[in-house]
Amino acid sequence: MLTVTSVNVNGIRAAAKKGFGEWLAGSDADVVCLQEVRAEEGQIPEEVRKPEGWHTVFAPAAAKGRAGVALYTRREPERVRVGFGSDEFDAAGRYLEIDLPGVTVASLYLPSGEAGTEKQDEKYRFMDEFLTYLAALKVRAAADGREVVVCGDWNICHREADLKNWKTNRKNAGFLPEEREWLGKVYAEAGYVDVVRELHPDTEGPYSWWSYRGRAFDNDAGWRIDLQVATPGLAAKAVKAWVERAETHPERWSDHAPVSVAYALGS
């Protein structure tokens, strides 16, 4: 069994003060993918940077205090790759992948965007480049007899069932028609599978992000933007998917919740 967990920590130093280290110590995951680390390695407390029993790889952003992704693995990676061959985005702390036996695991932090602004234009440029890379990655992995899972904060909801208040968010970044169409291409054209949705086909959510504004968490007015997107062979081996939603608002150490999938590799 390979259990993979993905979570946007919303700043690893802040999360460490609120309980991230304790959560990690109690996790049964084999791989943990982090996004929005927002720190360079030397700024992270040692007990979080190099926790016992884990191999860690960090890809901080060149812009200090921004983005940043990381991977924690029980097994030492066979190969590490930072970025996906993009002149614009490889130093932005948005993509990191490793090879484990038979499986490539990646941590992705796709730009959030903002409708009608340069931030949204940047998001579209990232999406265009990344879709090309995803398609090539799947072909390359298949030739090597490998499967792929890209975990992370994709910052897009594909369906109405993926966010509570979809009617009022149709003109907002994260649920724009162009974004939803692009994510559809990841599935239909590049040939990947939304693993959590595959295991929960008729569920509202399960949501993984709730705004700190208002009472979004208490009212479960969430978004399902933290995804595990896998090649079909690996997706077929997924036996369980769950979101570790905190019991109460004060127990949260991020505005996102960990999203986990257990893959029965031997089946």
C-alpha atoms as a PDB file:
ATOM      1  CA  MET A   1       0.000   0.000   0.000  1.00  0.00           C
ATOM      2  CA  LEU A   2       1.245   3.477  -0.903  1.00  0.00           C
ATOM      3  CA  THR A   3      -0.482   6.311   0.964  1.00  0.00           C
ATOM      4  CA  VAL A   4       0.052   9.784  -0.481  1.00  0.00           C
ATOM      5  CA  THR A   5      -1.079  12.948   1.290  1.00  0.00           C
ATOM      6  CA  SER A   6      -1.163  16.455  -0.141  1.00  0.00           C
ATOM      7  CA  VAL A   7      -1.700  19.715   1.735  1.00  0.00           C
ATOM      8  CA  ASN A   8      -1.181  23.425   1.202  1.00  0.00           C
ATOM      9  CA  VAL A   9       0.360  24.467   4.530  1.00  0.00           C
ATOM     10  CA  ASN A  10      -0.216  28.216   4.017  1.00  0.00           C
ATOM     11  CA  GLY A  11       3.297  28.969   5.306  1.00  0.00           C
ATOM     12  CA  ILE A  12       5.193  26.093   6.915  1.00  0.00           C
ATOM     13  CA  ARG A  13       6.634  28.200   9.728  1.00  0.00           C
ATOM     14  CA  ALA A  14       3.173  29.375  10.773  1.00  0.00           C
ATOM     15  CA  ALA A  15       1.775  25.860  10.382  1.00  0.00           C
ATOM     16  CA  ALA A  16       4.592  24.473  12.555  1.00  0.00           C
ATOM     17  CA  LYS A  17       3.517  26.758  15.384  1.00  0.00           C
ATOM     18  CA  LYS A  18      -0.097  25.562  15.070  1.00  0.00           C
ATOM     19  CA  GLY A  19       0.462  21.797  14.993  1.00  0.00           C
ATOM     20  CA  PHE A  20       1.849  20.731  11.621  1.00  0.00           C
ATOM     21  CA  GLY A  21       4.764  18.874  13.235  1.00  0.00           C
ATOM     22  CA  GLU A  22       2.450  16.933  15.518  1.00  0.00           C
ATOM     23  CA  TRP A  23       0.192  16.082  12.583  1.00  0.00           C
ATOM     24  CA  LEU A  24       3.161  14.846  10.538  1.00  0.00           C
ATOM     25  CA  ALA A  25       4.437  12.723  13.428  1.00  0.00           C
ATOM     26  CA  GLY A  26       1.056  10.999  13.592  1.00  0.00           C
ATOM     27  CA  SER A  27       0.655  10.548   9.838  1.00  0.00           C
ATOM     28  CA  ASP A  28       0.706   7.073   8.298  1.00  0.00           C
ATOM     29  CA  ALA A  29       1.486   8.503   4.852  1.00  0.00           C
ATOM     30  CA  ASP A  30       4.387   7.213   2.790  1.00  0.00           C
ATOM     31  CA  VAL A  31       4.641  10.482   0.861  1.00  0.00           C
ATOM     32  CA  VAL A  32       3.514  13.971   1.883  1.00  0.00           C
ATOM     33  CA  CYS A  33       3.331  16.714  -0.747  1.00  0.00           C
ATOM     34  CA  LEU A  34       3.367  20.301   0.539  1.00  0.00           C
ATOM     35  CA  GLN A  35       2.491  23.555  -1.179  1.00  0.00           C
ATOM     36  CA  GLU A  36       2.810  27.234  -0.267  1.00  0.00           C
ATOM     37  CA  VAL A  37       5.763  26.491   2.024  1.00  0.00           C
ATOM     38  CA  ARG A  38       6.809  30.167   1.772  1.00  0.00           C
ATOM     39  CA  ALA A  39      10.276  29.655   3.266  1.00  0.00           C
ATOM     40  CA  GLU A  40      13.770  28.629   2.296  1.00  0.00           C
ATOM     41  CA  GLU A  41      15.177  25.483   3.881  1.00  0.00           C
ATOM     42  CA  GLY A  42      17.382  27.348   6.330  1.00  0.00           C
ATOM     43  CA  GLN A  43      14.374  29.266   7.680  1.00  0.00           C
ATOM     44  CA  ILE A  44      12.406  26.148   8.599  1.00  0.00           C
ATOM     45  CA  PRO A  45      12.724  24.704  12.133  1.00  0.00           C
ATOM     46  CA  GLU A  46      14.922  21.595  12.042  1.00  0.00           C
ATOM     47  CA  GLU A  47      12.264  19.316  13.526  1.00  0.00           C
ATOM     48  CA  VAL A  48      10.050  20.193  10.547  1.00  0.00           C
ATOM     49  CA  ARG A  49      12.816  20.473   7.964  1.00  0.00           C
ATOM     50  CA  LYS A  50      14.373  17.087   8.797  1.00  0.00           C
ATOM     51  CA  PRO A  51      11.850  15.113  10.848  1.00  0.00           C
ATOM     52  CA  GLU A  52      12.844  11.662  12.006  1.00  0.00           C
ATOM     53  CA  GLY A  53      11.912   8.936   9.555  1.00  0.00           C
ATOM     54  CA  TRP A  54      11.521  11.203   6.538  1.00  0.00           C
ATOM     55  CA  HIS A  55      13.577  12.228   3.521  1.00  0.00           C
ATOM     56  CA  THR A  56      12.746  15.820   2.551  1.00  0.00           C
ATOM     57  CA  VAL A  57      13.162  17.819  -0.663  1.00  0.00           C
ATOM     58  CA  PHE A  58      12.326  21.527  -0.939  1.00  0.00           C
ATOM     59  CA  ALA A  59      11.838  23.775  -3.956  1.00  0.00           C
ATOM     60  CA  PRO A  60      11.498  27.348  -2.672  1.00  0.00           C
ATOM     61  CA  ALA A  61      10.519  30.262  -4.867  1.00  0.00           C
ATOM     62  CA  ALA A  62      13.132  32.776  -5.995  1.00  0.00           C
ATOM     63  CA  ALA A  63      10.794  35.468  -4.662  1.00  0.00           C
ATOM     64  CA  LYS A  64      11.201  35.340  -0.892  1.00  0.00           C
ATOM     65  CA  GLY A  65       8.120  34.457   1.131  1.00  0.00           C
ATOM     66  CA  ARG A  66       6.175  33.250  -1.893  1.00  0.00           C
ATOM     67  CA  ALA A  67       4.896  29.857  -3.094  1.00  0.00           C
ATOM     68  CA  GLY A  68       7.349  26.995  -2.499  1.00  0.00           C
ATOM     69  CA  VAL A  69       6.694  23.244  -2.669  1.00  0.00           C
ATOM     70  CA  ALA A  70       8.177  20.254  -0.849  1.00  0.00           C
ATOM     71  CA  LEU A  71       8.043  16.473  -0.689  1.00  0.00           C
ATOM     72  CA  TYR A  72       8.469  14.269   2.372  1.00  0.00           C
ATOM     73  CA  THR A  73       9.059  10.567   1.694  1.00  0.00           C
ATOM     74  CA  ARG A  74       9.700   7.530   3.880  1.00  0.00           C
ATOM     75  CA  ARG A  75      11.911   6.084   1.140  1.00  0.00           C
ATOM     76  CA  GLU A  76      14.829   8.023  -0.340  1.00  0.00           C
ATOM     77  CA  PRO A  77      13.896   9.271  -3.841  1.00  0.00           C
ATOM     78  CA  GLU A  78      15.631   7.712  -6.824  1.00  0.00           C
ATOM     79  CA  ARG A  79      15.475  10.998  -8.736  1.00  0.00           C
ATOM     80  CA  VAL A  80      14.476  14.604  -8.013  1.00  0.00           C
ATOM     81  CA  ARG A  81      13.328  17.201 -10.531  1.00  0.00           C
ATOM     82  CA  VAL A  82      12.564  20.852  -9.773  1.00  0.00           C
ATOM     83  CA  GLY A  83      10.299  22.576 -12.280  1.00  0.00           C
ATOM     84  CA  PHE A  84       8.973  21.294 -15.588  1.00  0.00           C
ATOM     85  CA  GLY A  85      11.298  22.944 -18.089  1.00  0.00           C
ATOM     86  CA  SER A  86       9.700  26.392 -18.026  1.00  0.00           C
ATOM     87  CA  ASP A  87      11.862  29.501 -18.354  1.00  0.00           C
ATOM     88  CA  GLU A  88       9.189  31.551 -16.599  1.00  0.00           C
ATOM     89  CA  PHE A  89       8.098  29.222 -13.809  1.00  0.00           C
ATOM     90  CA  ASP A  90      10.900  26.806 -12.874  1.00  0.00           C
ATOM     91  CA  ALA A  91      12.279  29.166 -10.216  1.00  0.00           C
ATOM     92  CA  ALA A  92       8.829  30.051  -8.899  1.00  0.00           C
ATOM     93  CA  GLY A  93       8.538  27.225  -6.362  1.00  0.00           C
ATOM     94  CA  ARG A  94       5.516  25.684  -8.035  1.00  0.00           C
ATOM     95  CA  TYR A  95       6.519  22.183  -9.143  1.00  0.00           C
ATOM     96  CA  LEU A  96       8.661  19.406  -7.712  1.00  0.00           C
ATOM     97  CA  GLU A  97       8.706  15.727  -8.622  1.00  0.00           C
ATOM     98  CA  ILE A  98      10.481  12.618  -7.427  1.00  0.00           C
ATOM     99  CA  ASP A  99      10.807   9.056  -8.624  1.00  0.00           C
ATOM    100  CA  LEU A 100      10.060   6.215  -6.251  1.00  0.00           C
ATOM    101  CA  PRO A 101      10.043   2.557  -7.362  1.00  0.00           C
ATOM    102  CA  GLY A 102       7.495   2.392 -10.182  1.00  0.00           C
ATOM    103  CA  VAL A 103       5.842   5.733  -9.343  1.00  0.00           C
ATOM    104  CA  THR A 104       6.595   9.399 -10.026  1.00  0.00           C
ATOM    105  CA  VAL A 105       5.070  11.679  -7.372  1.00  0.00           C
ATOM    106  CA  ALA A 106       4.840  15.443  -7.865  1.00  0.00           C
ATOM    107  CA  SER A 107       3.848  18.396  -5.707  1.00  0.00           C
ATOM    108  CA  LEU A 108       2.127  21.217  -7.614  1.00  0.00           C
ATOM    109  CA  TYR A 109       1.127  24.726  -6.583  1.00  0.00           C
ATOM    110  CA  LEU A 110      -0.724  26.152  -9.567  1.00  0.00           C
ATOM    111  CA  PRO A 111      -1.105  29.957  -9.519  1.00  0.00           C
ATOM    112  CA  SER A 112      -4.365  31.130  -7.966  1.00  0.00           C
ATOM    113  CA  GLY A 113      -5.000  33.948 -10.418  1.00  0.00           C
ATOM    114  CA  GLU A 114      -7.436  36.838 -10.183  1.00  0.00           C
ATOM    115  CA  ALA A 115     -10.042  37.365 -12.879  1.00  0.00           C
ATOM    116  CA  GLY A 116      -9.309  40.242 -15.234  1.00  0.00           C
ATOM    117  CA  THR A 117      -5.774  40.887 -13.986  1.00  0.00           C
ATOM    118  CA  GLU A 118      -2.183  40.074 -14.935  1.00  0.00           C
ATOM    119  CA  LYS A 119      -2.281  37.368 -12.259  1.00  0.00           C
ATOM    120  CA  GLN A 120      -4.886  35.546 -14.316  1.00  0.00           C
ATOM    121  CA  ASP A 121      -2.815  35.952 -17.478  1.00  0.00           C
ATOM    122  CA  GLU A 122       0.113  34.430 -15.592  1.00  0.00           C
ATOM    123  CA  LYS A 123      -2.103  31.535 -14.496  1.00  0.00           C
ATOM    124  CA  TYR A 124      -3.131  30.860 -18.100  1.00  0.00           C
ATOM    125  CA  ARG A 125       0.504  30.884 -19.259  1.00  0.00           C
ATOM    126  CA  PHE A 126       1.352  28.364 -16.546  1.00  0.00           C
ATOM    127  CA  MET A 127      -1.617  26.190 -17.486  1.00  0.00           C
ATOM    128  CA  ASP A 128      -0.668  26.146 -21.171  1.00  0.00           C
ATOM    129  CA  GLU A 129       2.917  25.099 -20.482  1.00  0.00           C
ATOM    130  CA  PHE A 130       1.989  22.635 -17.778  1.00  0.00           C
ATOM    131  CA  LEU A 131      -0.599  20.773 -19.858  1.00  0.00           C
ATOM    132  CA  THR A 132       2.054  20.134 -22.502  1.00  0.00           C
ATOM    133  CA  TYR A 133       4.402  18.850 -19.823  1.00  0.00           C
ATOM    134  CA  LEU A 134       1.755  16.600 -18.250  1.00  0.00           C
ATOM    135  CA  ALA A 135       0.999  14.946 -21.571  1.00  0.00           C
ATOM    136  CA  ALA A 136       4.696  14.323 -22.230  1.00  0.00           C
ATOM    137  CA  LEU A 137       5.248  13.071 -18.674  1.00  0.00           C
ATOM    138  CA  LYS A 138       2.535  10.448 -19.058  1.00  0.00           C
ATOM    139  CA  VAL A 139       4.039   9.167 -22.320  1.00  0.00           C
ATOM    140  CA  ARG A 140       7.556   9.116 -20.888  1.00  0.00           C
ATOM    141  CA  ALA A 141       6.447   7.346 -17.719  1.00  0.00           C
ATOM    142  CA  ALA A 142       4.549   4.707 -19.696  1.00  0.00           C
ATOM    143  CA  ALA A 143       7.660   4.000 -21.751  1.00  0.00           C
ATOM    144  CA  ASP A 144       9.555   3.422 -18.506  1.00  0.00           C
ATOM    145  CA  GLY A 145       6.795   1.263 -17.007  1.00  0.00           C
ATOM    146  CA  ARG A 146       5.991   3.919 -14.415  1.00  0.00           C
ATOM    147  CA  GLU A 147       2.822   5.507 -13.076  1.00  0.00           C
ATOM    148  CA  VAL A 148       2.410   9.201 -12.154  1.00  0.00           C
ATOM    149  CA  VAL A 149       0.462  11.152  -9.541  1.00  0.00           C
ATOM    150  CA  VAL A 150       0.506  14.951  -9.433  1.00  0.00           C
ATOM    151  CA  CYS A 151      -0.714  16.144  -6.051  1.00  0.00           C
ATOM    152  CA  GLY A 152      -1.313  19.650  -4.912  1.00  0.00           C
ATOM    153  CA  ASP A 153      -3.250  22.848  -4.887  1.00  0.00           C
ATOM    154  CA  TRP A 154      -4.552  23.032  -8.455  1.00  0.00           C
ATOM    155  CA  ASN A 155      -6.578  26.184  -7.641  1.00  0.00           C
ATOM    156  CA  ILE A 156      -9.401  25.132  -9.985  1.00  0.00           C
ATOM    157  CA  CYS A 157     -12.758  23.501  -9.338  1.00  0.00           C
ATOM    158  CA  HIS A 158     -13.873  21.356 -12.251  1.00  0.00           C
ATOM    159  CA  ARG A 159     -17.535  20.795 -11.443  1.00  0.00           C
ATOM    160  CA  GLU A 160     -20.340  22.493  -9.547  1.00  0.00           C
ATOM    161  CA  ALA A 161     -20.059  19.711  -6.942  1.00  0.00           C
ATOM    162  CA  ASP A 162     -16.523  20.893  -6.199  1.00  0.00           C
ATOM    163  CA  LEU A 163     -17.503  24.100  -4.405  1.00  0.00           C
ATOM    164  CA  LYS A 164     -20.369  24.989  -2.123  1.00  0.00           C
ATOM    165  CA  ASN A 165     -21.277  28.399  -3.548  1.00  0.00           C
ATOM    166  CA  TRP A 166     -20.713  27.741  -7.241  1.00  0.00           C
ATOM    167  CA  LYS A 167     -23.465  30.063  -8.464  1.00  0.00           C
ATOM    168  CA  THR A 168     -21.803  33.145  -6.978  1.00  0.00           C
ATOM    169  CA  ASN A 169     -18.308  32.147  -8.105  1.00  0.00           C
ATOM    170  CA  ARG A 170     -18.854  31.681 -11.834  1.00  0.00           C
ATOM    171  CA  LYS A 171     -16.911  34.868 -12.627  1.00  0.00           C
ATOM    172  CA  ASN A 172     -14.171  34.311 -10.046  1.00  0.00           C
ATOM    173  CA  ALA A 173     -10.754  32.752 -10.486  1.00  0.00           C
ATOM    174  CA  GLY A 174     -10.864  29.084  -9.658  1.00  0.00           C
ATOM    175  CA  PHE A 175     -14.203  28.467 -11.341  1.00  0.00           C
ATOM    176  CA  LEU A 176     -13.931  30.375 -14.610  1.00  0.00           C
ATOM    177  CA  PRO A 177     -15.123  28.548 -17.749  1.00  0.00           C
ATOM    178  CA  GLU A 178     -11.633  28.669 -19.275  1.00  0.00           C
ATOM    179  CA  GLU A 179     -10.090  27.111 -16.164  1.00  0.00           C
ATOM    180  CA  ARG A 180     -12.692  24.369 -15.944  1.00  0.00           C
ATOM    181  CA  GLU A 181     -12.257  23.578 -19.636  1.00  0.00           C
ATOM    182  CA  TRP A 182      -8.490  23.332 -19.165  1.00  0.00           C
ATOM    183  CA  LEU A 183      -8.848  20.903 -16.271  1.00  0.00           C
ATOM    184  CA  GLY A 184     -11.172  18.881 -18.464  1.00  0.00           C
ATOM    185  CA  LYS A 185      -8.329  18.663 -20.994  1.00  0.00           C
ATOM    186  CA  VAL A 186      -6.003  17.315 -18.304  1.00  0.00           C
ATOM    187  CA  TYR A 187      -8.445  14.423 -17.957  1.00  0.00           C
ATOM    188  CA  ALA A 188      -9.819  13.948 -21.482  1.00  0.00           C
ATOM    189  CA  GLU A 189      -6.790  14.850 -23.611  1.00  0.00           C
ATOM    190  CA  ALA A 190      -3.711  14.290 -21.433  1.00  0.00           C
ATOM    191  CA  GLY A 191      -5.361  11.148 -20.037  1.00  0.00           C
ATOM    192  CA  TYR A 192      -5.162  11.653 -16.278  1.00  0.00           C
ATOM    193  CA  VAL A 193      -7.752  10.776 -13.624  1.00  0.00           C
ATOM    194  CA  ASP A 194      -9.103  12.863 -10.738  1.00  0.00           C
ATOM    195  CA  VAL A 195      -8.625  10.143  -8.124  1.00  0.00           C
ATOM    196  CA  VAL A 196     -10.698  11.589  -5.282  1.00  0.00           C
ATOM    197  CA  ARG A 197     -13.650  12.289  -7.576  1.00  0.00           C
ATOM    198  CA  GLU A 198     -13.343   8.792  -9.038  1.00  0.00           C
ATOM    199  CA  LEU A 199     -13.747   7.325  -5.537  1.00  0.00           C
ATOM    200  CA  HIS A 200     -16.447   9.838  -4.510  1.00  0.00           C
ATOM    201  CA  PRO A 201     -18.452  10.305  -7.735  1.00  0.00           C
ATOM    202  CA  ASP A 202     -21.699  11.542  -6.216  1.00  0.00           C
ATOM    203  CA  THR A 203     -20.367  13.611  -3.315  1.00  0.00           C
ATOM    204  CA  GLU A 204     -20.611  17.357  -2.800  1.00  0.00           C
ATOM    205  CA  GLY A 205     -16.912  18.016  -2.287  1.00  0.00           C
ATOM    206  CA  PRO A 206     -15.203  16.587  -0.316  1.00  0.00           C
ATOM    207  CA  TYR A 207     -13.929  20.126   0.180  1.00  0.00           C
ATOM    208  CA  SER A 208     -10.308  20.801   1.079  1.00  0.00           C
ATOM    209  CA  TRP A 209     -10.116  24.609   1.385  1.00  0.00           C
ATOM    210  CA  TRP A 210     -12.218  27.061   3.367  1.00  0.00           C
ATOM    211  CA  SER A 211     -11.634  30.795   3.438  1.00  0.00           C
ATOM    212  CA  TYR A 212     -10.639  32.334   6.756  1.00  0.00           C
ATOM    213  CA  ARG A 213     -13.231  35.021   6.043  1.00  0.00           C
ATOM    214  CA  GLY A 214     -16.600  34.880   7.735  1.00  0.00           C
ATOM    215  CA  ARG A 215     -17.825  31.457   8.853  1.00  0.00           C
ATOM    216  CA  ALA A 216     -16.836  29.514   5.739  1.00  0.00           C
ATOM    217  CA  PHE A 217     -15.315  26.640   7.714  1.00  0.00           C
ATOM    218  CA  ASP A 218     -18.150  26.395  10.219  1.00  0.00           C
ATOM    219  CA  ASN A 219     -20.696  26.403   7.368  1.00  0.00           C
ATOM    220  CA  ASP A 220     -18.595  24.023   5.269  1.00  0.00           C
ATOM    221  CA  ALA A 221     -18.621  26.570   2.429  1.00  0.00           C
ATOM    222  CA  GLY A 222     -15.531  25.039   0.884  1.00  0.00           C
ATOM    223  CA  TRP A 223     -13.745  24.396  -2.390  1.00  0.00           C
ATOM    224  CA  ARG A 224     -12.247  21.139  -3.656  1.00  0.00           C
ATOM    225  CA  ILE A 225      -9.053  22.503  -5.200  1.00  0.00           C
ATOM    226  CA  ASP A 226      -6.493  20.121  -3.656  1.00  0.00           C
ATOM    227  CA  LEU A 227      -6.314  17.197  -6.042  1.00  0.00           C
ATOM    228  CA  GLN A 228      -4.470  13.964  -6.713  1.00  0.00           C
ATOM    229  CA  VAL A 229      -4.368  13.574 -10.483  1.00  0.00           C
ATOM    230  CA  ALA A 230      -2.952  10.222 -11.598  1.00  0.00           C
ATOM    231  CA  THR A 231      -2.324   8.086 -14.640  1.00  0.00           C
ATOM    232  CA  PRO A 232      -5.126   5.549 -15.178  1.00  0.00           C
ATOM    233  CA  GLY A 233      -3.073   2.547 -14.059  1.00  0.00           C
ATOM    234  CA  LEU A 234      -2.347   4.103 -10.679  1.00  0.00           C
ATOM    235  CA  ALA A 235      -5.845   5.571 -10.305  1.00  0.00           C
ATOM    236  CA  ALA A 236      -7.267   2.076 -10.747  1.00  0.00           C
ATOM    237  CA  LYS A 237      -5.292   0.970  -7.695  1.00  0.00           C
ATOM    238  CA  ALA A 238      -6.744   3.697  -5.444  1.00  0.00           C
ATOM    239  CA  VAL A 239      -8.817   2.048  -2.733  1.00  0.00           C
ATOM    240  CA  LYS A 240      -9.560   4.926  -0.374  1.00  0.00           C
ATOM    241  CA  ALA A 241      -9.516   8.738  -0.452  1.00  0.00           C
ATOM    242  CA  TRP A 242     -10.237  11.085   2.423  1.00  0.00           C
ATOM    243  CA  VAL A 243      -9.884  14.668   3.632  1.00  0.00           C
ATOM    244  CA  GLU A 244      -8.594  15.282   7.159  1.00  0.00           C
ATOM    245  CA  ARG A 245     -10.923  18.132   8.043  1.00  0.00           C
ATOM    246  CA  ALA A 246     -10.251  19.557  11.495  1.00  0.00           C
ATOM    247  CA  GLU A 247     -12.994  19.085  14.072  1.00  0.00           C
ATOM    248  CA  THR A 248     -13.104  22.786  14.958  1.00  0.00           C
ATOM    249  CA  HIS A 249     -11.854  26.075  13.536  1.00  0.00           C
ATOM    250  CA  PRO A 250      -9.210  26.595  16.282  1.00  0.00           C
ATOM    251  CA  GLU A 251      -7.666  23.177  15.510  1.00  0.00           C
ATOM    252  CA  ARG A 252      -6.776  24.148  11.958  1.00  0.00           C
ATOM    253  CA  TRP A 253      -3.099  24.727  11.157  1.00  0.00           C
ATOM    254  CA  SER A 254      -3.871  25.825   7.582  1.00  0.00           C
ATOM    255  CA  ASP A 255      -6.834  27.068   5.585  1.00  0.00           C
ATOM    256  CA  HIS A 256      -6.457  23.816   3.604  1.00  0.00           C
ATOM    257  CA  ALA A 257      -6.952  20.269   4.896  1.00  0.00           C
ATOM    258  CA  PRO A 258      -4.760  17.270   4.012  1.00  0.00           C
ATOM    259  CA  VAL A 259      -6.081  15.142   1.140  1.00  0.00           C
ATOM    260  CA  SER A 260      -4.964  11.505   1.230  1.00  0.00           C
ATOM    261  CA  VAL A 261      -5.263   8.533  -1.106  1.00  0.00           C
ATOM    262  CA  ALA A 262      -4.255   4.925  -0.423  1.00  0.00           C
ATOM    263  CA  TYR A 263      -3.044   3.038  -3.500  1.00  0.00           C
ATOM    264  CA  ALA A 264      -2.871  -0.782  -3.418  1.00  0.00           C
ATOM    265  CA  LEU A 265       0.183  -1.132  -5.627  1.00  0.00           C
ATOM    266  CA  GLY A 266       0.312  -4.892  -5.285  1.00  0.00           C
ATOM    267  CA  SER A 267      -3.219  -5.408  -6.554  1.00  0.00           C
END
